[in-house]
C-alpha atoms as a PDB file:
ATOM      1  CA  MET A   1     -35.172 -47.760 -51.934  1.00  0.00           C
ATOM      2  CA  ALA A   2     -37.774 -50.614 -52.023  1.00  0.00           C
ATOM      3  CA  LYS A   3     -35.878 -54.347 -51.333  1.00  0.00           C
ATOM      4  CA  LYS A   4     -35.832 -56.586 -54.382  1.00  0.00           C
ATOM      5  CA  LYS A   5     -37.699 -59.564 -54.024  1.00  0.00           C
ATOM      6  CA  GLU A   6     -35.402 -62.204 -53.676  1.00  0.00           C
ATOM      7  CA  SER A   7     -35.979 -65.824 -55.582  1.00  0.00           C
ATOM      8  CA  TYR A   8     -36.217 -69.299 -53.691  1.00  0.00           C
ATOM      9  CA  GLU A   9     -33.290 -70.568 -54.290  1.00  0.00           C
ATOM     10  CA  ASN A  10     -31.596 -67.414 -53.901  1.00  0.00           C
ATOM     11  CA  MET A  11     -33.388 -67.578 -49.890  1.00  0.00           C
ATOM     12  CA  MET A  12     -31.943 -71.780 -49.866  1.00  0.00           C
ATOM     13  CA  GLU A  13     -28.723 -70.416 -50.208  1.00  0.00           C
ATOM     14  CA  ARG A  14     -28.883 -68.049 -47.248  1.00  0.00           C
ATOM     15  CA  LEU A  15     -30.348 -69.784 -44.943  1.00  0.00           C
ATOM     16  CA  GLU A  16     -27.678 -72.739 -46.217  1.00  0.00           C
ATOM     17  CA  GLU A  17     -24.663 -70.057 -45.312  1.00  0.00           C
ATOM     18  CA  ILE A  18     -26.743 -68.867 -42.050  1.00  0.00           C
ATOM     19  CA  VAL A  19     -26.509 -73.043 -40.671  1.00  0.00           C
ATOM     20  CA  GLU A  20     -23.096 -73.230 -41.696  1.00  0.00           C
ATOM     21  CA  LEU A  21     -21.949 -70.396 -39.412  1.00  0.00           C
ATOM     22  CA  MET A  22     -24.088 -71.674 -36.879  1.00  0.00           C
ATOM     23  CA  ASP A  23     -22.782 -75.048 -36.997  1.00  0.00           C
ATOM     24  CA  GLY A  24     -18.688 -73.436 -36.188  1.00  0.00           C
ATOM     25  CA  ASN A  25     -17.475 -72.453 -33.310  1.00  0.00           C
ATOM     26  CA  GLU A  26     -16.642 -68.963 -33.899  1.00  0.00           C
ATOM     27  CA  VAL A  27     -20.326 -66.789 -34.372  1.00  0.00           C
ATOM     28  CA  THR A  28     -20.711 -65.175 -30.624  1.00  0.00           C
ATOM     29  CA  LEU A  29     -23.953 -65.838 -29.238  1.00  0.00           C
ATOM     30  CA  GLU A  30     -25.126 -62.353 -30.175  1.00  0.00           C
ATOM     31  CA  GLY A  31     -24.332 -62.990 -34.207  1.00  0.00           C
ATOM     32  CA  THR A  32     -25.672 -66.429 -32.797  1.00  0.00           C
ATOM     33  CA  MET A  33     -28.630 -65.461 -31.949  1.00  0.00           C
ATOM     34  CA  ILE A  34     -28.922 -62.260 -35.530  1.00  0.00           C
ATOM     35  CA  ASN A  35     -28.438 -64.913 -37.615  1.00  0.00           C
ATOM     36  CA  TYR A  36     -31.104 -67.112 -36.441  1.00  0.00           C
ATOM     37  CA  GLU A  37     -33.546 -64.422 -36.116  1.00  0.00           C
ATOM     38  CA  GLU A  38     -33.149 -64.075 -40.188  1.00  0.00           C
ATOM     39  CA  GLY A  39     -32.969 -67.985 -40.520  1.00  0.00           C
ATOM     40  CA  ILE A  40     -36.224 -67.886 -38.665  1.00  0.00           C
ATOM     41  CA  LYS A  41     -37.813 -65.560 -40.906  1.00  0.00           C
ATOM     42  CA  ILE A  42     -36.035 -67.116 -44.402  1.00  0.00           C
ATOM     43  CA  CYS A  43     -38.147 -69.770 -43.467  1.00  0.00           C
ATOM     44  CA  ASN A  44     -41.915 -67.519 -42.934  1.00  0.00           C
ATOM     45  CA  SER A  45     -40.438 -66.229 -46.994  1.00  0.00           C
ATOM     46  CA  LEU A  46     -39.806 -70.174 -47.824  1.00  0.00           C
ATOM     47  CA  TYR A  47     -43.070 -71.312 -45.861  1.00  0.00           C
ATOM     48  CA  LYS A  48     -45.428 -69.084 -47.968  1.00  0.00           C
ATOM     49  CA  ILE A  49     -43.540 -69.185 -50.479  1.00  0.00           C
ATOM     50  CA  LEU A  50     -44.193 -72.761 -50.280  1.00  0.00           C
ATOM     51  CA  ASN A  51     -47.478 -73.025 -50.019  1.00  0.00           C
ATOM     52  CA  ASP A  52     -48.459 -69.812 -52.767  1.00  0.00           C
ATOM     53  CA  THR A  53     -46.973 -72.913 -55.168  1.00  0.00           C
ATOM     54  CA  GLU A  54     -49.122 -75.614 -54.002  1.00  0.00           C
ATOM     55  CA  GLY A  55     -52.222 -73.603 -54.327  1.00  0.00           C
ATOM     56  CA  LYS A  56     -51.509 -73.089 -56.811  1.00  0.00           C
ATOM     57  CA  ILE A  57     -50.593 -76.547 -58.176  1.00  0.00           C
ATOM     58  CA  LYS A  58     -53.872 -77.746 -56.658  1.00  0.00           C
ATOM     59  CA  ILE A  59     -55.875 -75.279 -58.552  1.00  0.00           C
ATOM     60  CA  LEU A  60     -53.702 -76.303 -61.794  1.00  0.00           C
ATOM     61  CA  THR A  61     -54.384 -79.812 -61.134  1.00  0.00           C
ATOM     62  CA  ASP A  62     -58.074 -79.690 -59.977  1.00  0.00           C
ATOM     63  CA  GLU A  63     -58.669 -77.827 -63.501  1.00  0.00           C
ATOM     64  CA  GLY A  64     -57.218 -80.265 -65.407  1.00  0.00           C
ATOM     65  CA  GLU A  65     -58.686 -83.032 -63.717  1.00  0.00           C
ATOM     66  CA  LYS A  66     -62.578 -81.842 -65.105  1.00  0.00           C
ATOM     67  CA  ASP A  67     -60.576 -81.532 -68.134  1.00  0.00           C
ATOM     68  CA  PHE A  68     -59.738 -84.989 -67.813  1.00  0.00           C
ATOM     69  CA  MET A  69     -62.947 -85.930 -66.321  1.00  0.00           C
ATOM     70  CA  ALA A  70     -65.461 -84.018 -69.096  1.00  0.00           C
ATOM     71  CA  LEU A  71     -62.944 -84.872 -72.120  1.00  0.00           C
ATOM     72  CA  THR A  72     -62.866 -88.647 -70.854  1.00  0.00           C
ATOM     73  CA  GLU A  73     -67.757 -88.455 -70.842  1.00  0.00           C
ATOM     74  CA  VAL A  74     -67.481 -87.099 -74.226  1.00  0.00           C
ATOM     75  CA  SER A  75     -64.943 -90.008 -74.654  1.00  0.00           C
ATOM     76  CA  GLU A  76     -67.026 -92.900 -73.659  1.00  0.00           C
ATOM     77  CA  LYS A  77     -70.878 -91.090 -75.229  1.00  0.00           C
ATOM     78  CA  VAL A  78     -68.895 -91.257 -78.438  1.00  0.00           C
ATOM     79  CA  SER A  79     -67.648 -94.810 -78.114  1.00  0.00           C
ATOM     80  CA  GLU A  80     -71.156 -95.914 -76.815  1.00  0.00           C
ATOM     81  CA  LYS A  81     -72.486 -94.260 -80.006  1.00  0.00           C
ATOM     82  CA  VAL A  82     -70.623 -96.057 -82.955  1.00  0.00           C
ATOM     83  CA  SER A  83     -70.750 -99.653 -80.946  1.00  0.00           C
ATOM     84  CA  GLU A  84     -74.643 -98.366 -81.723  1.00  0.00           C
ATOM     85  CA  ASN A  85     -73.860 -99.047 -85.024  1.00  0.00           C
END
């Protein structure tokens, strides 16, 4: 069965749990290494999600900026025409 894709929030919650476990003194060295490996995998996944999201925001922002610039140019031309009359 395929593993369900975890949400950003769930991964952050799990990472916080791992940090709390590792901060305590109850975990063995082997357990600490297992937790560390899981934490690194989660961090890498979170980093990828953040990078993908940043790219999407940049694309949306760039497109929005282009749309805004086009609108500004049209607005300036209309203002010039109105001023001429």
